[in-house]
Amino acid sequence: MCGFLLRVVALGLFYFFLFDATSSLHIVTLGGQILGSSIIALAAALLHTAGKKIFARKSIRVVFATFCTAVITYLTIKVLPGYIISDIAGTTLVILQICLAAAIIGLLIEDR
């Protein structure tokens, strides 16, 4: 449980600062930025934990969590109000950075 919570907090902080630093994705309100980063972080941590319970091989687990994190990130950006995409290539790079961070944090921080 502590590993899950640590993953959520670490990913949430990383996503918050990543959204703040990027110029291809503008977020109008601070509340939308906090909500979006926390939704994506919670989903990524939950997908890692669920993938660990479902799949035995680590490579399949990482691919499953990465793909689902990318889909949830895209849906969060499209559904939440206040997210303005100014550059599609830059936004794709941001989504790839989000998936890479989720995979690395998921491999480094394990549940007990």
C-alpha atoms as a PDB file:
ATOM      1  CA  MET A   1       0.000   0.000   0.000  1.00  0.00           C
ATOM      2  CA  CYS A   2       2.848   2.390   0.759  1.00  0.00           C
ATOM      3  CA  GLY A   3       4.395   1.695  -2.641  1.00  0.00           C
ATOM      4  CA  PHE A   4       1.101   2.495  -4.351  1.00  0.00           C
ATOM      5  CA  LEU A   5       0.713   5.783  -2.482  1.00  0.00           C
ATOM      6  CA  LEU A   6       4.346   6.714  -3.110  1.00  0.00           C
ATOM      7  CA  ARG A   7       3.861   6.074  -6.845  1.00  0.00           C
ATOM      8  CA  VAL A   8       0.736   8.248  -6.893  1.00  0.00           C
ATOM      9  CA  VAL A   9       2.440  11.150  -5.120  1.00  0.00           C
ATOM     10  CA  ALA A  10       5.668  10.952  -7.156  1.00  0.00           C
ATOM     11  CA  LEU A  11       3.847  10.700 -10.481  1.00  0.00           C
ATOM     12  CA  GLY A  12       1.388  13.434  -9.535  1.00  0.00           C
ATOM     13  CA  LEU A  13       4.173  15.868  -8.711  1.00  0.00           C
ATOM     14  CA  PHE A  14       6.075  14.984 -11.869  1.00  0.00           C
ATOM     15  CA  TYR A  15       2.992  15.427 -14.058  1.00  0.00           C
ATOM     16  CA  PHE A  16       2.104  18.726 -12.372  1.00  0.00           C
ATOM     17  CA  PHE A  17       5.538  20.195 -13.092  1.00  0.00           C
ATOM     18  CA  LEU A  18       5.599  18.660 -16.587  1.00  0.00           C
ATOM     19  CA  PHE A  19       2.291  20.320 -17.456  1.00  0.00           C
ATOM     20  CA  ASP A  20       3.632  23.595 -16.090  1.00  0.00           C
ATOM     21  CA  ALA A  21       6.899  23.408 -18.057  1.00  0.00           C
ATOM     22  CA  THR A  22       5.531  22.465 -21.473  1.00  0.00           C
ATOM     23  CA  SER A  23       4.541  25.057 -24.036  1.00  0.00           C
ATOM     24  CA  SER A  24       2.564  22.785 -26.360  1.00  0.00           C
ATOM     25  CA  LEU A  25      -0.175  22.119 -23.814  1.00  0.00           C
ATOM     26  CA  HIS A  26      -1.735  25.101 -22.062  1.00  0.00           C
ATOM     27  CA  ILE A  27      -3.874  24.602 -18.974  1.00  0.00           C
ATOM     28  CA  VAL A  28      -6.057  27.566 -18.104  1.00  0.00           C
ATOM     29  CA  THR A  29      -6.769  26.921 -14.417  1.00  0.00           C
ATOM     30  CA  LEU A  30      -4.645  25.660 -11.546  1.00  0.00           C
ATOM     31  CA  GLY A  31      -7.480  23.406 -10.396  1.00  0.00           C
ATOM     32  CA  GLY A  32      -7.614  21.739 -13.799  1.00  0.00           C
ATOM     33  CA  GLN A  33      -3.880  21.182 -13.705  1.00  0.00           C
ATOM     34  CA  ILE A  34      -4.029  19.636 -10.224  1.00  0.00           C
ATOM     35  CA  LEU A  35      -7.058  17.501 -11.104  1.00  0.00           C
ATOM     36  CA  GLY A  36      -5.578  16.305 -14.394  1.00  0.00           C
ATOM     37  CA  SER A  37      -2.209  15.383 -12.923  1.00  0.00           C
ATOM     38  CA  SER A  38      -3.811  13.575  -9.988  1.00  0.00           C
ATOM     39  CA  ILE A  39      -6.229  11.625 -12.218  1.00  0.00           C
ATOM     40  CA  ILE A  40      -3.428  10.497 -14.517  1.00  0.00           C
ATOM     41  CA  ALA A  41      -1.118   9.624 -11.596  1.00  0.00           C
ATOM     42  CA  LEU A  42      -3.802   7.624  -9.786  1.00  0.00           C
ATOM     43  CA  ALA A  43      -4.727   5.766 -12.973  1.00  0.00           C
ATOM     44  CA  ALA A  44      -1.091   4.987 -13.823  1.00  0.00           C
ATOM     45  CA  ALA A  45      -0.382   3.650 -10.330  1.00  0.00           C
ATOM     46  CA  LEU A  46      -3.607   1.639 -10.335  1.00  0.00           C
ATOM     47  CA  LEU A  47      -2.839   0.172 -13.767  1.00  0.00           C
ATOM     48  CA  HIS A  48       0.627  -0.853 -12.616  1.00  0.00           C
ATOM     49  CA  THR A  49      -0.806  -2.602  -9.559  1.00  0.00           C
ATOM     50  CA  ALA A  50      -3.564  -4.282 -11.594  1.00  0.00           C
ATOM     51  CA  GLY A  51      -1.086  -5.347 -14.270  1.00  0.00           C
ATOM     52  CA  LYS A  52       1.108  -6.910 -11.612  1.00  0.00           C
ATOM     53  CA  LYS A  53      -1.829  -9.005 -10.384  1.00  0.00           C
ATOM     54  CA  ILE A  54      -2.994 -10.001 -13.878  1.00  0.00           C
ATOM     55  CA  PHE A  55       0.212 -10.646 -15.861  1.00  0.00           C
ATOM     56  CA  ALA A  56       3.157 -12.773 -14.796  1.00  0.00           C
ATOM     57  CA  ARG A  57       5.750 -11.448 -17.257  1.00  0.00           C
ATOM     58  CA  LYS A  58       7.218  -8.043 -16.513  1.00  0.00           C
ATOM     59  CA  SER A  59       7.451  -6.980 -20.164  1.00  0.00           C
ATOM     60  CA  ILE A  60       3.747  -7.589 -20.811  1.00  0.00           C
ATOM     61  CA  ARG A  61       2.912  -5.773 -17.583  1.00  0.00           C
ATOM     62  CA  VAL A  62       4.902  -2.688 -18.637  1.00  0.00           C
ATOM     63  CA  VAL A  63       3.396  -2.638 -22.144  1.00  0.00           C
ATOM     64  CA  PHE A  64      -0.129  -2.962 -20.727  1.00  0.00           C
ATOM     65  CA  ALA A  65       0.377  -0.172 -18.187  1.00  0.00           C
ATOM     66  CA  THR A  66       2.074   2.103 -20.740  1.00  0.00           C
ATOM     67  CA  PHE A  67      -0.645   1.708 -23.355  1.00  0.00           C
ATOM     68  CA  CYS A  68      -3.463   2.236 -20.863  1.00  0.00           C
ATOM     69  CA  THR A  69      -1.682   5.253 -19.338  1.00  0.00           C
ATOM     70  CA  ALA A  70      -1.374   6.831 -22.792  1.00  0.00           C
ATOM     71  CA  VAL A  71      -5.077   6.292 -23.486  1.00  0.00           C
ATOM     72  CA  ILE A  72      -6.129   7.683 -20.093  1.00  0.00           C
ATOM     73  CA  THR A  73      -3.832  10.692 -20.533  1.00  0.00           C
ATOM     74  CA  TYR A  74      -5.335  11.465 -23.933  1.00  0.00           C
ATOM     75  CA  LEU A  75      -8.879  11.097 -22.611  1.00  0.00           C
ATOM     76  CA  THR A  76      -8.106  13.289 -19.595  1.00  0.00           C
ATOM     77  CA  ILE A  77      -6.718  16.030 -21.831  1.00  0.00           C
ATOM     78  CA  LYS A  78      -9.786  15.847 -24.083  1.00  0.00           C
ATOM     79  CA  VAL A  79     -12.440  15.635 -21.338  1.00  0.00           C
ATOM     80  CA  LEU A  80     -11.265  18.151 -18.733  1.00  0.00           C
ATOM     81  CA  PRO A  81     -12.055  21.789 -19.497  1.00  0.00           C
ATOM     82  CA  GLY A  82      -9.240  24.289 -19.830  1.00  0.00           C
ATOM     83  CA  TYR A  83      -6.726  22.109 -21.684  1.00  0.00           C
ATOM     84  CA  ILE A  84      -5.635  23.805 -24.914  1.00  0.00           C
ATOM     85  CA  ILE A  85      -3.460  21.857 -27.355  1.00  0.00           C
ATOM     86  CA  SER A  86      -1.358  24.259 -29.412  1.00  0.00           C
ATOM     87  CA  ASP A  87       1.091  21.764 -30.931  1.00  0.00           C
ATOM     88  CA  ILE A  88       0.122  18.145 -31.571  1.00  0.00           C
ATOM     89  CA  ALA A  89       3.724  16.918 -31.875  1.00  0.00           C
ATOM     90  CA  GLY A  90       4.673  18.521 -28.574  1.00  0.00           C
ATOM     91  CA  THR A  91       1.596  17.088 -26.885  1.00  0.00           C
ATOM     92  CA  THR A  92       2.485  13.642 -28.201  1.00  0.00           C
ATOM     93  CA  LEU A  93       5.945  14.098 -26.712  1.00  0.00           C
ATOM     94  CA  VAL A  94       4.370  15.057 -23.373  1.00  0.00           C
ATOM     95  CA  ILE A  95       2.211  11.908 -23.450  1.00  0.00           C
ATOM     96  CA  LEU A  96       5.313   9.812 -24.192  1.00  0.00           C
ATOM     97  CA  GLN A  97       7.131  11.438 -21.265  1.00  0.00           C
ATOM     98  CA  ILE A  98       4.166  10.667 -19.017  1.00  0.00           C
ATOM     99  CA  CYS A  99       4.210   7.007 -20.092  1.00  0.00           C
ATOM    100  CA  LEU A 100       7.980   6.758 -19.662  1.00  0.00           C
ATOM    101  CA  ALA A 101       7.830   8.266 -16.174  1.00  0.00           C
ATOM    102  CA  ALA A 102       5.010   5.902 -15.187  1.00  0.00           C
ATOM    103  CA  ALA A 103       6.966   2.884 -16.434  1.00  0.00           C
ATOM    104  CA  ILE A 104      10.180   3.906 -14.666  1.00  0.00           C
ATOM    105  CA  ILE A 105       8.467   4.756 -11.376  1.00  0.00           C
ATOM    106  CA  GLY A 106       6.459   1.530 -11.621  1.00  0.00           C
ATOM    107  CA  LEU A 107       9.631  -0.516 -12.012  1.00  0.00           C
ATOM    108  CA  LEU A 108      11.528   1.317  -9.262  1.00  0.00           C
ATOM    109  CA  ILE A 109       8.814   1.404  -6.591  1.00  0.00           C
ATOM    110  CA  GLU A 110       7.349  -2.016  -5.828  1.00  0.00           C
ATOM    111  CA  ASP A 111       4.385  -2.984  -3.665  1.00  0.00           C
ATOM    112  CA  ARG A 112       4.972  -5.121  -0.621  1.00  0.00           C
END
